[in-house]
Amino acid sequence: GLVEHVEPVIMMAIGTQVAAETLEGELRTREELPRSRRELSEIVVYG
């Protein structure tokens, strides 16, 4: 029942993590993917 100018932005799933071994298929594949980020030199424009 939100008024028009109050906009949903993001949804969070919150709970207790389970071991990847208990998952199957694509869900397990995605769970086991390594993390990565841009290097600092790519995101820091000065300093």
ModelCIF file with pLDDT and N, C-alpha, C, O atoms, coordinates in Angstrom:
data_MODEL
#
_entry.id   MODEL 
#
_entity.id                         1 
_entity.type                       polymer 
_entity.pdbx_number_of_molecules   1 
#
_entity_poly.entity_id                      1 
_entity_poly.type                           'polypeptide(L)' 
_entity_poly.nstd_linkage                   no 
_entity_poly.nstd_monomer                   no 
_entity_poly.pdbx_seq_one_letter_code       GLVEHVEPVIMMAIGTQVAAETLEGELRTREELPRSRRELSEIVVYG 
_entity_poly.pdbx_seq_one_letter_code_can   GLVEHVEPVIMMAIGTQVAAETLEGELRTREELPRSRRELSEIVVYG 
_entity_poly.pdbx_strand_id                 A 
#
loop_
_entity_poly_seq.entity_id 
_entity_poly_seq.num 
_entity_poly_seq.mon_id 
_entity_poly_seq.hetero 
1 1  GLY n 
1 2  LEU n 
1 3  VAL n 
1 4  GLU n 
1 5  HIS n 
1 6  VAL n 
1 7  GLU n 
1 8  PRO n 
1 9  VAL n 
1 10 ILE n 
1 11 MET n 
1 12 MET n 
1 13 ALA n 
1 14 ILE n 
1 15 GLY n 
1 16 THR n 
1 17 GLN n 
1 18 VAL n 
1 19 ALA n 
1 20 ALA n 
1 21 GLU n 
1 22 THR n 
1 23 LEU n 
1 24 GLU n 
1 25 GLY n 
1 26 GLU n 
1 27 LEU n 
1 28 ARG n 
1 29 THR n 
1 30 ARG n 
1 31 GLU n 
1 32 GLU n 
1 33 LEU n 
1 34 PRO n 
1 35 ARG n 
1 36 SER n 
1 37 ARG n 
1 38 ARG n 
1 39 GLU n 
1 40 LEU n 
1 41 SER n 
1 42 GLU n 
1 43 ILE n 
1 44 VAL n 
1 45 VAL n 
1 46 TYR n 
1 47 GLY n 
#
_struct_asym.id          A 
_struct_asym.entity_id   1 
#
loop_
_ma_qa_metric.id 
_ma_qa_metric.mode 
_ma_qa_metric.name 
_ma_qa_metric.software_group_id 
_ma_qa_metric.type 
1 global pLDDT . pLDDT 
2 local  pLDDT . pLDDT 
#
_ma_qa_metric_global.metric_id      1 
_ma_qa_metric_global.metric_value   95.43 
_ma_qa_metric_global.model_id       1 
_ma_qa_metric_global.ordinal_id     1 
#
loop_
_ma_qa_metric_local.label_asym_id 
_ma_qa_metric_local.label_comp_id 
_ma_qa_metric_local.label_seq_id 
_ma_qa_metric_local.metric_id 
_ma_qa_metric_local.metric_value 
_ma_qa_metric_local.model_id 
_ma_qa_metric_local.ordinal_id 
A GLY 1  2 98.00 1 1  
A LEU 2  2 98.00 1 2  
A VAL 3  2 97.00 1 3  
A GLU 4  2 95.00 1 4  
A HIS 5  2 96.00 1 5  
A VAL 6  2 98.00 1 6  
A GLU 7  2 98.00 1 7  
A PRO 8  2 98.00 1 8  
A VAL 9  2 98.00 1 9  
A ILE 10 2 98.00 1 10 
A MET 11 2 98.00 1 11 
A MET 12 2 98.00 1 12 
A ALA 13 2 98.00 1 13 
A ILE 14 2 98.00 1 14 
A GLY 15 2 98.00 1 15 
A THR 16 2 98.00 1 16 
A GLN 17 2 97.00 1 17 
A VAL 18 2 95.00 1 18 
A ALA 19 2 94.00 1 19 
A ALA 20 2 93.00 1 20 
A GLU 21 2 93.00 1 21 
A THR 22 2 93.00 1 22 
A LEU 23 2 93.00 1 23 
A GLU 24 2 94.00 1 24 
A GLY 25 2 94.00 1 25 
A GLU 26 2 94.00 1 26 
A LEU 27 2 94.00 1 27 
A ARG 28 2 94.00 1 28 
A THR 29 2 94.00 1 29 
A ARG 30 2 94.00 1 30 
A GLU 31 2 94.00 1 31 
A GLU 32 2 94.00 1 32 
A LEU 33 2 93.00 1 33 
A PRO 34 2 93.00 1 34 
A ARG 35 2 92.00 1 35 
A SER 36 2 93.00 1 36 
A ARG 37 2 94.00 1 37 
A ARG 38 2 95.00 1 38 
A GLU 39 2 95.00 1 39 
A LEU 40 2 95.00 1 40 
A SER 41 2 94.00 1 41 
A GLU 42 2 95.00 1 42 
A ILE 43 2 95.00 1 43 
A VAL 44 2 96.00 1 44 
A VAL 45 2 96.00 1 45 
A TYR 46 2 96.00 1 46 
A GLY 47 2 97.00 1 47 
#
loop_
_atom_site.group_PDB 
_atom_site.id 
_atom_site.type_symbol 
_atom_site.label_atom_id 
_atom_site.label_alt_id 
_atom_site.label_comp_id 
_atom_site.label_asym_id 
_atom_site.label_entity_id 
_atom_site.label_seq_id 
_atom_site.pdbx_PDB_ins_code 
_atom_site.Cartn_x 
_atom_site.Cartn_y 
_atom_site.Cartn_z 
_atom_site.occupancy 
_atom_site.B_iso_or_equiv 
_atom_site.pdbx_formal_charge 
_atom_site.auth_seq_id 
_atom_site.auth_comp_id 
_atom_site.auth_asym_id 
_atom_site.auth_atom_id 
_atom_site.pdbx_PDB_model_num 
ATOM 1   N N  . GLY A 1 1  ? 0.803  -1.211  0.000   1.00 98.00 ? 1  GLY A N  1 
ATOM 2   C CA . GLY A 1 1  ? 0.000  0.000   0.000   1.00 98.00 ? 1  GLY A CA 1 
ATOM 3   C C  . GLY A 1 1  ? 0.839  1.266   0.000   1.00 98.00 ? 1  GLY A C  1 
ATOM 4   O O  . GLY A 1 1  ? 0.482  2.254   0.641   1.00 98.00 ? 1  GLY A O  1 
ATOM 5   N N  . LEU A 1 2  ? 1.959  1.237   -0.721  1.00 98.00 ? 2  LEU A N  1 
ATOM 6   C CA . LEU A 1 2  ? 2.856  2.387   -0.738  1.00 98.00 ? 2  LEU A CA 1 
ATOM 7   C C  . LEU A 1 2  ? 2.292  3.514   -1.589  1.00 98.00 ? 2  LEU A C  1 
ATOM 8   O O  . LEU A 1 2  ? 1.646  3.275   -2.610  1.00 98.00 ? 2  LEU A O  1 
ATOM 9   N N  . VAL A 1 3  ? 2.541  4.740   -1.159  1.00 97.00 ? 3  VAL A N  1 
ATOM 10  C CA . VAL A 1 3  ? 2.189  5.885   -1.992  1.00 97.00 ? 3  VAL A CA 1 
ATOM 11  C C  . VAL A 1 3  ? 3.136  5.903   -3.183  1.00 97.00 ? 3  VAL A C  1 
ATOM 12  O O  . VAL A 1 3  ? 4.192  5.270   -3.153  1.00 97.00 ? 3  VAL A O  1 
ATOM 13  N N  . GLU A 1 4  ? 2.754  6.635   -4.238  1.00 95.00 ? 4  GLU A N  1 
ATOM 14  C CA . GLU A 1 4  ? 3.465  6.559   -5.509  1.00 95.00 ? 4  GLU A CA 1 
ATOM 15  C C  . GLU A 1 4  ? 4.930  6.934   -5.426  1.00 95.00 ? 4  GLU A C  1 
ATOM 16  O O  . GLU A 1 4  ? 5.757  6.362   -6.136  1.00 95.00 ? 4  GLU A O  1 
ATOM 17  N N  . HIS A 1 5  ? 5.264  7.889   -4.566  1.00 96.00 ? 5  HIS A N  1 
ATOM 18  C CA . HIS A 1 5  ? 6.650  8.356   -4.527  1.00 96.00 ? 5  HIS A CA 1 
ATOM 19  C C  . HIS A 1 5  ? 7.545  7.549   -3.585  1.00 96.00 ? 5  HIS A C  1 
ATOM 20  O O  . HIS A 1 5  ? 8.719  7.882   -3.420  1.00 96.00 ? 5  HIS A O  1 
ATOM 21  N N  . VAL A 1 6  ? 7.012  6.499   -2.970  1.00 98.00 ? 6  VAL A N  1 
ATOM 22  C CA . VAL A 1 6  ? 7.834  5.577   -2.182  1.00 98.00 ? 6  VAL A CA 1 
ATOM 23  C C  . VAL A 1 6  ? 8.037  4.317   -3.023  1.00 98.00 ? 6  VAL A C  1 
ATOM 24  O O  . VAL A 1 6  ? 7.094  3.561   -3.260  1.00 98.00 ? 6  VAL A O  1 
ATOM 25  N N  . GLU A 1 7  ? 9.268  4.099   -3.470  1.00 98.00 ? 7  GLU A N  1 
ATOM 26  C CA . GLU A 1 7  ? 9.561  3.061   -4.456  1.00 98.00 ? 7  GLU A CA 1 
ATOM 27  C C  . GLU A 1 7  ? 10.385 1.925   -3.855  1.00 98.00 ? 7  GLU A C  1 
ATOM 28  O O  . GLU A 1 7  ? 11.415 2.180   -3.231  1.00 98.00 ? 7  GLU A O  1 
ATOM 29  N N  . PRO A 1 8  ? 9.950  0.674   -4.031  1.00 98.00 ? 8  PRO A N  1 
ATOM 30  C CA . PRO A 1 8  ? 10.782 -0.469  -3.643  1.00 98.00 ? 8  PRO A CA 1 
ATOM 31  C C  . PRO A 1 8  ? 12.044 -0.490  -4.508  1.00 98.00 ? 8  PRO A C  1 
ATOM 32  O O  . PRO A 1 8  ? 11.971 -0.377  -5.732  1.00 98.00 ? 8  PRO A O  1 
ATOM 33  N N  . VAL A 1 9  ? 13.189 -0.634  -3.864  1.00 98.00 ? 9  VAL A N  1 
ATOM 34  C CA . VAL A 1 9  ? 14.466 -0.562  -4.568  1.00 98.00 ? 9  VAL A CA 1 
ATOM 35  C C  . VAL A 1 9  ? 15.158 -1.916  -4.638  1.00 98.00 ? 9  VAL A C  1 
ATOM 36  O O  . VAL A 1 9  ? 15.635 -2.321  -5.698  1.00 98.00 ? 9  VAL A O  1 
ATOM 37  N N  . ILE A 1 10 ? 15.209 -2.605  -3.524  1.00 98.00 ? 10 ILE A N  1 
ATOM 38  C CA . ILE A 1 10 ? 15.969 -3.857  -3.449  1.00 98.00 ? 10 ILE A CA 1 
ATOM 39  C C  . ILE A 1 10 ? 15.258 -4.816  -2.507  1.00 98.00 ? 10 ILE A C  1 
ATOM 40  O O  . ILE A 1 10 ? 14.577 -4.396  -1.572  1.00 98.00 ? 10 ILE A O  1 
ATOM 41  N N  . MET A 1 11 ? 15.424 -6.105  -2.763  1.00 98.00 ? 11 MET A N  1 
ATOM 42  C CA . MET A 1 11 ? 14.918 -7.126  -1.857  1.00 98.00 ? 11 MET A CA 1 
ATOM 43  C C  . MET A 1 11 ? 16.094 -7.949  -1.368  1.00 98.00 ? 11 MET A C  1 
ATOM 44  O O  . MET A 1 11 ? 16.993 -8.275  -2.144  1.00 98.00 ? 11 MET A O  1 
ATOM 45  N N  . MET A 1 12 ? 16.093 -8.288  -0.080  1.00 98.00 ? 12 MET A N  1 
ATOM 46  C CA . MET A 1 12 ? 17.146 -9.106  0.505   1.00 98.00 ? 12 MET A CA 1 
ATOM 47  C C  . MET A 1 12 ? 16.574 -10.430 0.991   1.00 98.00 ? 12 MET A C  1 
ATOM 48  O O  . MET A 1 12 ? 15.546 -10.471 1.667   1.00 98.00 ? 12 MET A O  1 
ATOM 49  N N  . ALA A 1 13 ? 17.255 -11.505 0.637   1.00 98.00 ? 13 ALA A N  1 
ATOM 50  C CA . ALA A 1 13 ? 16.979 -12.800 1.253   1.00 98.00 ? 13 ALA A CA 1 
ATOM 51  C C  . ALA A 1 13 ? 17.909 -12.922 2.453   1.00 98.00 ? 13 ALA A C  1 
ATOM 52  O O  . ALA A 1 13 ? 19.122 -12.757 2.320   1.00 98.00 ? 13 ALA A O  1 
ATOM 53  N N  . ILE A 1 14 ? 17.348 -13.208 3.619   1.00 98.00 ? 14 ILE A N  1 
ATOM 54  C CA . ILE A 1 14 ? 18.136 -13.269 4.855   1.00 98.00 ? 14 ILE A CA 1 
ATOM 55  C C  . ILE A 1 14 ? 17.838 -14.592 5.565   1.00 98.00 ? 14 ILE A C  1 
ATOM 56  O O  . ILE A 1 14 ? 16.680 -14.980 5.717   1.00 98.00 ? 14 ILE A O  1 
ATOM 57  N N  . GLY A 1 15 ? 18.895 -15.274 5.994   1.00 98.00 ? 15 GLY A N  1 
ATOM 58  C CA . GLY A 1 15 ? 18.670 -16.524 6.689   1.00 98.00 ? 15 GLY A CA 1 
ATOM 59  C C  . GLY A 1 15 ? 19.956 -17.237 7.029   1.00 98.00 ? 15 GLY A C  1 
ATOM 60  O O  . GLY A 1 15 ? 21.023 -16.625 7.094   1.00 98.00 ? 15 GLY A O  1 
ATOM 61  N N  . THR A 1 16 ? 19.850 -18.530 7.243   1.00 98.00 ? 16 THR A N  1 
ATOM 62  C CA . THR A 1 16 ? 20.979 -19.365 7.630   1.00 98.00 ? 16 THR A CA 1 
ATOM 63  C C  . THR A 1 16 ? 21.519 -20.098 6.412   1.00 98.00 ? 16 THR A C  1 
ATOM 64  O O  . THR A 1 16 ? 20.779 -20.790 5.712   1.00 98.00 ? 16 THR A O  1 
ATOM 65  N N  . GLN A 1 17 ? 22.800 -19.942 6.170   1.00 97.00 ? 17 GLN A N  1 
ATOM 66  C CA . GLN A 1 17 ? 23.433 -20.570 5.011   1.00 97.00 ? 17 GLN A CA 1 
ATOM 67  C C  . GLN A 1 17 ? 23.549 -22.074 5.208   1.00 97.00 ? 17 GLN A C  1 
ATOM 68  O O  . GLN A 1 17 ? 23.762 -22.548 6.324   1.00 97.00 ? 17 GLN A O  1 
ATOM 69  N N  . VAL A 1 18 ? 23.409 -22.819 4.119   1.00 95.00 ? 18 VAL A N  1 
ATOM 70  C CA . VAL A 1 18 ? 23.654 -24.260 4.142   1.00 95.00 ? 18 VAL A CA 1 
ATOM 71  C C  . VAL A 1 18 ? 24.887 -24.570 3.311   1.00 95.00 ? 18 VAL A C  1 
ATOM 72  O O  . VAL A 1 18 ? 25.331 -23.748 2.510   1.00 95.00 ? 18 VAL A O  1 
ATOM 73  N N  . ALA A 1 19 ? 25.427 -25.745 3.504   1.00 94.00 ? 19 ALA A N  1 
ATOM 74  C CA . ALA A 1 19 ? 26.609 -26.162 2.766   1.00 94.00 ? 19 ALA A CA 1 
ATOM 75  C C  . ALA A 1 19 ? 26.278 -26.335 1.285   1.00 94.00 ? 19 ALA A C  1 
ATOM 76  O O  . ALA A 1 19 ? 25.184 -26.776 0.933   1.00 94.00 ? 19 ALA A O  1 
ATOM 77  N N  . ALA A 1 20 ? 27.224 -25.988 0.429   1.00 93.00 ? 20 ALA A N  1 
ATOM 78  C CA . ALA A 1 20 ? 27.023 -26.118 -1.012  1.00 93.00 ? 20 ALA A CA 1 
ATOM 79  C C  . ALA A 1 20 ? 26.733 -27.562 -1.405  1.00 93.00 ? 20 ALA A C  1 
ATOM 80  O O  . ALA A 1 20 ? 26.021 -27.811 -2.378  1.00 93.00 ? 20 ALA A O  1 
ATOM 81  N N  . GLU A 1 21 ? 27.287 -28.524 -0.645  1.00 93.00 ? 21 GLU A N  1 
ATOM 82  C CA . GLU A 1 21 ? 27.102 -29.944 -0.954  1.00 93.00 ? 21 GLU A CA 1 
ATOM 83  C C  . GLU A 1 21 ? 25.648 -30.383 -0.845  1.00 93.00 ? 21 GLU A C  1 
ATOM 84  O O  . GLU A 1 21 ? 25.275 -31.423 -1.388  1.00 93.00 ? 21 GLU A O  1 
ATOM 85  N N  . THR A 1 22 ? 24.824 -29.602 -0.147  1.00 93.00 ? 22 THR A N  1 
ATOM 86  C CA . THR A 1 22 ? 23.412 -29.960 0.009   1.00 93.00 ? 22 THR A CA 1 
ATOM 87  C C  . THR A 1 22 ? 22.562 -29.454 -1.150  1.00 93.00 ? 22 THR A C  1 
ATOM 88  O O  . THR A 1 22 ? 21.371 -29.754 -1.225  1.00 93.00 ? 22 THR A O  1 
ATOM 89  N N  . LEU A 1 23 ? 23.172 -28.682 -2.059  1.00 93.00 ? 23 LEU A N  1 
ATOM 90  C CA . LEU A 1 23 ? 22.443 -28.080 -3.169  1.00 93.00 ? 23 LEU A CA 1 
ATOM 91  C C  . LEU A 1 23 ? 22.638 -28.905 -4.432  1.00 93.00 ? 23 LEU A C  1 
ATOM 92  O O  . LEU A 1 23 ? 23.507 -29.775 -4.495  1.00 93.00 ? 23 LEU A O  1 
ATOM 93  N N  . GLU A 1 24 ? 21.820 -28.619 -5.433  1.00 94.00 ? 24 GLU A N  1 
ATOM 94  C CA . GLU A 1 24 ? 21.890 -29.380 -6.676  1.00 94.00 ? 24 GLU A CA 1 
ATOM 95  C C  . GLU A 1 24 ? 21.871 -28.461 -7.882  1.00 94.00 ? 24 GLU A C  1 
ATOM 96  O O  . GLU A 1 24 ? 21.429 -27.315 -7.799  1.00 94.00 ? 24 GLU A O  1 
ATOM 97  N N  . GLY A 1 25 ? 22.359 -28.978 -9.008  1.00 94.00 ? 25 GLY A N  1 
ATOM 98  C CA . GLY A 1 25 ? 22.238 -28.310 -10.298 1.00 94.00 ? 25 GLY A CA 1 
ATOM 99  C C  . GLY A 1 25 ? 22.873 -26.947 -10.353 1.00 94.00 ? 25 GLY A C  1 
ATOM 100 O O  . GLY A 1 25 ? 23.950 -26.719 -9.802  1.00 94.00 ? 25 GLY A O  1 
ATOM 101 N N  . GLU A 1 26 ? 22.181 -26.030 -11.034 1.00 94.00 ? 26 GLU A N  1 
ATOM 102 C CA . GLU A 1 26 ? 22.707 -24.688 -11.244 1.00 94.00 ? 26 GLU A CA 1 
ATOM 103 C C  . GLU A 1 26 ? 22.914 -23.959 -9.929  1.00 94.00 ? 26 GLU A C  1 
ATOM 104 O O  . GLU A 1 26 ? 23.838 -23.156 -9.799  1.00 94.00 ? 26 GLU A O  1 
ATOM 105 N N  . LEU A 1 27 ? 22.067 -24.232 -8.962  1.00 94.00 ? 27 LEU A N  1 
ATOM 106 C CA . LEU A 1 27 ? 22.199 -23.561 -7.664  1.00 94.00 ? 27 LEU A CA 1 
ATOM 107 C C  . LEU A 1 27 ? 23.543 -23.902 -7.031  1.00 94.00 ? 27 LEU A C  1 
ATOM 108 O O  . LEU A 1 27 ? 24.230 -23.017 -6.521  1.00 94.00 ? 27 LEU A O  1 
ATOM 109 N N  . ARG A 1 28 ? 23.919 -25.165 -7.060  1.00 94.00 ? 28 ARG A N  1 
ATOM 110 C CA . ARG A 1 28 ? 25.213 -25.551 -6.500  1.00 94.00 ? 28 ARG A CA 1 
ATOM 111 C C  . ARG A 1 28 ? 26.357 -24.976 -7.336  1.00 94.00 ? 28 ARG A C  1 
ATOM 112 O O  . ARG A 1 28 ? 27.361 -24.517 -6.790  1.00 94.00 ? 28 ARG A O  1 
ATOM 113 N N  . THR A 1 29 ? 26.202 -25.003 -8.654  1.00 94.00 ? 29 THR A N  1 
ATOM 114 C CA . THR A 1 29 ? 27.254 -24.465 -9.526  1.00 94.00 ? 29 THR A CA 1 
ATOM 115 C C  . THR A 1 29 ? 27.526 -23.010 -9.203  1.00 94.00 ? 29 THR A C  1 
ATOM 116 O O  . THR A 1 29 ? 28.680 -22.604 -9.066  1.00 94.00 ? 29 THR A O  1 
ATOM 117 N N  . ARG A 1 30 ? 26.463 -22.219 -9.079  1.00 94.00 ? 30 ARG A N  1 
ATOM 118 C CA . ARG A 1 30 ? 26.642 -20.793 -8.779  1.00 94.00 ? 30 ARG A CA 1 
ATOM 119 C C  . ARG A 1 30 ? 27.219 -20.588 -7.386  1.00 94.00 ? 30 ARG A C  1 
ATOM 120 O O  . ARG A 1 30 ? 28.011 -19.671 -7.167  1.00 94.00 ? 30 ARG A O  1 
ATOM 121 N N  . GLU A 1 31 ? 26.825 -21.442 -6.443  1.00 94.00 ? 31 GLU A N  1 
ATOM 122 C CA . GLU A 1 31 ? 27.311 -21.306 -5.076  1.00 94.00 ? 31 GLU A CA 1 
ATOM 123 C C  . GLU A 1 31 ? 28.823 -21.508 -5.007  1.00 94.00 ? 31 GLU A C  1 
ATOM 124 O O  . GLU A 1 31 ? 29.500 -20.883 -4.190  1.00 94.00 ? 31 GLU A O  1 
ATOM 125 N N  . GLU A 1 32 ? 29.344 -22.372 -5.856  1.00 94.00 ? 32 GLU A N  1 
ATOM 126 C CA . GLU A 1 32 ? 30.754 -22.733 -5.786  1.00 94.00 ? 32 GLU A CA 1 
ATOM 127 C C  . GLU A 1 32 ? 31.644 -21.869 -6.676  1.00 94.00 ? 32 GLU A C  1 
ATOM 128 O O  . GLU A 1 32 ? 32.861 -22.050 -6.686  1.00 94.00 ? 32 GLU A O  1 
ATOM 129 N N  . LEU A 1 33 ? 31.059 -20.939 -7.417  1.00 93.00 ? 33 LEU A N  1 
ATOM 130 C CA . LEU A 1 33 ? 31.866 -20.059 -8.253  1.00 93.00 ? 33 LEU A CA 1 
ATOM 131 C C  . LEU A 1 33 ? 32.761 -19.181 -7.381  1.00 93.00 ? 33 LEU A C  1 
ATOM 132 O O  . LEU A 1 33 ? 32.333 -18.730 -6.318  1.00 93.00 ? 33 LEU A O  1 
ATOM 133 N N  . PRO A 1 34 ? 34.000 -18.932 -7.816  1.00 93.00 ? 34 PRO A N  1 
ATOM 134 C CA . PRO A 1 34 ? 34.875 -18.044 -7.048  1.00 93.00 ? 34 PRO A CA 1 
ATOM 135 C C  . PRO A 1 34 ? 34.396 -16.606 -7.107  1.00 93.00 ? 34 PRO A C  1 
ATOM 136 O O  . PRO A 1 34 ? 33.741 -16.203 -8.069  1.00 93.00 ? 34 PRO A O  1 
ATOM 137 N N  . ARG A 1 35 ? 34.719 -15.834 -6.083  1.00 92.00 ? 35 ARG A N  1 
ATOM 138 C CA . ARG A 1 35 ? 34.377 -14.419 -6.054  1.00 92.00 ? 35 ARG A CA 1 
ATOM 139 C C  . ARG A 1 35 ? 35.399 -13.624 -6.858  1.00 92.00 ? 35 ARG A C  1 
ATOM 140 O O  . ARG A 1 35 ? 36.560 -14.016 -6.975  1.00 92.00 ? 35 ARG A O  1 
ATOM 141 N N  . SER A 1 36 ? 34.954 -12.523 -7.397  1.00 93.00 ? 36 SER A N  1 
ATOM 142 C CA . SER A 1 36 ? 35.885 -11.644 -8.112  1.00 93.00 ? 36 SER A CA 1 
ATOM 143 C C  . SER A 1 36 ? 35.410 -10.208 -7.998  1.00 93.00 ? 36 SER A C  1 
ATOM 144 O O  . SER A 1 36 ? 34.226 -9.953  -7.780  1.00 93.00 ? 36 SER A O  1 
ATOM 145 N N  . ARG A 1 37 ? 36.328 -9.281  -8.145  1.00 94.00 ? 37 ARG A N  1 
ATOM 146 C CA . ARG A 1 37 ? 36.024 -7.852  -8.123  1.00 94.00 ? 37 ARG A CA 1 
ATOM 147 C C  . ARG A 1 37 ? 36.969 -7.135  -9.080  1.00 94.00 ? 37 ARG A C  1 
ATOM 148 O O  . ARG A 1 37 ? 38.041 -7.646  -9.404  1.00 94.00 ? 37 ARG A O  1 
ATOM 149 N N  . ARG A 1 38 ? 36.569 -5.958  -9.526  1.00 95.00 ? 38 ARG A N  1 
ATOM 150 C CA . ARG A 1 38 ? 37.484 -5.118  -10.273 1.00 95.00 ? 38 ARG A CA 1 
ATOM 151 C C  . ARG A 1 38 ? 38.683 -4.775  -9.399  1.00 95.00 ? 38 ARG A C  1 
ATOM 152 O O  . ARG A 1 38 ? 38.563 -4.693  -8.176  1.00 95.00 ? 38 ARG A O  1 
ATOM 153 N N  . GLU A 1 39 ? 39.824 -4.577  -10.018 1.00 95.00 ? 39 GLU A N  1 
ATOM 154 C CA . GLU A 1 39 ? 41.000 -4.151  -9.279  1.00 95.00 ? 39 GLU A CA 1 
ATOM 155 C C  . GLU A 1 39 ? 40.803 -2.707  -8.797  1.00 95.00 ? 39 GLU A C  1 
ATOM 156 O O  . GLU A 1 39 ? 40.046 -1.940  -9.392  1.00 95.00 ? 39 GLU A O  1 
ATOM 157 N N  . LEU A 1 40 ? 41.492 -2.354  -7.716  1.00 95.00 ? 40 LEU A N  1 
ATOM 158 C CA . LEU A 1 40 ? 41.409 -0.988  -7.205  1.00 95.00 ? 40 LEU A CA 1 
ATOM 159 C C  . LEU A 1 40 ? 41.743 0.036   -8.278  1.00 95.00 ? 40 LEU A C  1 
ATOM 160 O O  . LEU A 1 40 ? 41.130 1.102   -8.342  1.00 95.00 ? 40 LEU A O  1 
ATOM 161 N N  . SER A 1 41 ? 42.718 -0.292  -9.120  1.00 94.00 ? 41 SER A N  1 
ATOM 162 C CA . SER A 1 41 ? 43.139 0.644   -10.161 1.00 94.00 ? 41 SER A CA 1 
ATOM 163 C C  . SER A 1 41 ? 42.043 0.910   -11.186 1.00 94.00 ? 41 SER A C  1 
ATOM 164 O O  . SER A 1 41 ? 42.107 1.896   -11.921 1.00 94.00 ? 41 SER A O  1 
ATOM 165 N N  . GLU A 1 42 ? 41.034 0.033   -11.239 1.00 95.00 ? 42 GLU A N  1 
ATOM 166 C CA . GLU A 1 42 ? 39.930 0.220   -12.176 1.00 95.00 ? 42 GLU A CA 1 
ATOM 167 C C  . GLU A 1 42 ? 38.823 1.086   -11.593 1.00 95.00 ? 42 GLU A C  1 
ATOM 168 O O  . GLU A 1 42 ? 38.052 1.690   -12.340 1.00 95.00 ? 42 GLU A O  1 
ATOM 169 N N  . ILE A 1 43 ? 38.734 1.154   -10.270 1.00 95.00 ? 43 ILE A N  1 
ATOM 170 C CA . ILE A 1 43 ? 37.605 1.873   -9.667  1.00 95.00 ? 43 ILE A CA 1 
ATOM 171 C C  . ILE A 1 43 ? 38.018 3.150   -8.942  1.00 95.00 ? 43 ILE A C  1 
ATOM 172 O O  . ILE A 1 43 ? 37.179 4.013   -8.687  1.00 95.00 ? 43 ILE A O  1 
ATOM 173 N N  . VAL A 1 44 ? 39.299 3.280   -8.607  1.00 96.00 ? 44 VAL A N  1 
ATOM 174 C CA . VAL A 1 44 ? 39.775 4.485   -7.929  1.00 96.00 ? 44 VAL A CA 1 
ATOM 175 C C  . VAL A 1 44 ? 40.310 5.444   -8.981  1.00 96.00 ? 44 VAL A C  1 
ATOM 176 O O  . VAL A 1 44 ? 41.323 5.169   -9.625  1.00 96.00 ? 44 VAL A O  1 
ATOM 177 N N  . VAL A 1 45 ? 39.628 6.564   -9.152  1.00 96.00 ? 45 VAL A N  1 
ATOM 178 C CA . VAL A 1 45 ? 40.019 7.502   -10.218 1.00 96.00 ? 45 VAL A CA 1 
ATOM 179 C C  . VAL A 1 45 ? 41.093 8.487   -9.750  1.00 96.00 ? 45 VAL A C  1 
ATOM 180 O O  . VAL A 1 45 ? 41.720 9.155   -10.572 1.00 96.00 ? 45 VAL A O  1 
ATOM 181 N N  . TYR A 1 46 ? 41.306 8.580   -8.444  1.00 96.00 ? 46 TYR A N  1 
ATOM 182 C CA . TYR A 1 46 ? 42.357 9.462   -7.939  1.00 96.00 ? 46 TYR A CA 1 
ATOM 183 C C  . TYR A 1 46 ? 42.715 9.045   -6.517  1.00 96.00 ? 46 TYR A C  1 
ATOM 184 O O  . TYR A 1 46 ? 41.829 8.727   -5.725  1.00 96.00 ? 46 TYR A O  1 
ATOM 185 N N  . GLY A 1 47 ? 43.989 9.044   -6.192  1.00 97.00 ? 47 GLY A N  1 
ATOM 186 C CA . GLY A 1 47 ? 44.425 8.875   -4.821  1.00 97.00 ? 47 GLY A CA 1 
ATOM 187 C C  . GLY A 1 47 ? 44.975 7.514   -4.452  1.00 97.00 ? 47 GLY A C  1 
ATOM 188 O O  . GLY A 1 47 ? 45.365 7.297   -3.304  1.00 97.00 ? 47 GLY A O  1 
#
